[in-house]
Protein backbone atom coordinates (compact mmCIF):
# COMPACT_ATOMS: atom_id res chain seq x y z
CA MET A 1 23.81 4.43 24.43
CA VAL A 2 23.34 8.18 24.31
CA THR A 3 22.32 10.00 27.15
CA ASN A 4 20.42 13.56 27.00
CA MET A 5 19.97 14.58 30.54
CA LYS A 6 16.97 12.70 31.71
CA LYS A 7 16.27 10.63 28.49
CA LYS A 8 18.42 7.44 27.41
CA PHE A 9 18.49 6.64 23.54
CA LYS A 10 19.83 3.19 22.41
CA ILE A 11 21.43 3.99 18.79
CA LEU A 12 19.62 1.38 16.44
CA GLY A 13 21.76 2.25 13.39
CA SER A 14 22.99 5.16 11.04
CA ALA A 15 22.66 6.03 7.57
CA LYS A 16 24.89 8.28 5.29
CA VAL A 17 23.06 11.14 3.30
CA SER A 18 23.62 10.71 -0.39
CA THR A 19 24.54 13.53 -2.43
CA ARG A 20 20.98 13.89 -3.48
CA TYR A 21 19.87 14.22 0.28
CA GLN A 22 18.49 10.62 0.24
CA LEU A 23 19.25 7.81 2.86
CA VAL A 24 18.41 4.16 3.21
CA ILE A 25 16.74 3.22 6.38
CA PRO A 26 18.69 -0.06 7.67
CA LYS A 27 16.84 -3.34 6.95
CA ASP A 28 16.58 -4.18 11.02
CA ILE A 29 14.89 -0.71 11.59
CA ARG A 30 12.60 -1.24 8.52
CA GLU A 31 11.51 -4.59 9.80
CA ARG A 32 11.06 -3.36 13.46
CA ILE A 33 8.89 -0.68 12.37
CA ASP A 34 7.13 -2.63 9.69
CA LEU A 35 7.85 -0.24 6.92
CA ASP A 36 6.84 -1.43 3.60
CA LYS A 37 8.19 -0.36 0.13
CA ARG A 38 6.79 2.86 -0.78
CA GLY A 39 5.82 3.60 2.93
CA THR A 40 5.92 6.89 4.49
CA VAL A 41 7.73 8.21 7.45
CA ILE A 42 7.32 11.25 9.65
CA PHE A 43 9.86 13.40 11.00
CA LEU A 44 8.97 14.61 14.70
CA GLU A 45 10.56 17.17 17.03
CA ASP A 46 10.35 17.08 20.74
CA GLU A 47 10.55 19.87 23.24
CA LYS A 48 14.07 19.72 23.49
CA GLY A 49 14.68 19.71 19.76
CA ASN A 50 15.34 16.02 19.18
CA ILE A 51 14.49 14.51 15.77
CA ILE A 52 12.30 11.63 15.98
CA ILE A 53 11.76 9.57 12.97
CA ASN A 54 8.44 7.25 12.65
CA LYS A 55 6.41 5.40 10.70
CA SER A 56 3.40 7.22 9.63
CA PRO A 57 -0.26 5.92 10.21
CA LEU A 58 -2.25 5.81 7.25
CA ASN A 59 -5.03 8.34 8.49
CA VAL A 60 -2.46 11.25 9.96
CA VAL A 61 -2.88 14.79 8.44
CA ILE A 62 0.44 16.71 8.97
CA GLU A 63 0.41 20.47 8.83
CA LYS A 64 3.70 22.16 9.08
CA GLU A 65 3.96 24.82 11.44
CA ASP A 66 5.40 28.10 10.49
């Protein structure tokens, strides 16, 4: 368990980044979020700068902030 002041995070797994900056999402996490092959994930940042990876809904439009 990792604590970040008011939030607690449970570590679900880890992945190493390849020399081509690719990573494999562990099977138990893929199953937990129902991620299929060729599925899309999104990277979110909360107000504290924490990065969150989540399955992308099909109808979401993502615009990158400058």
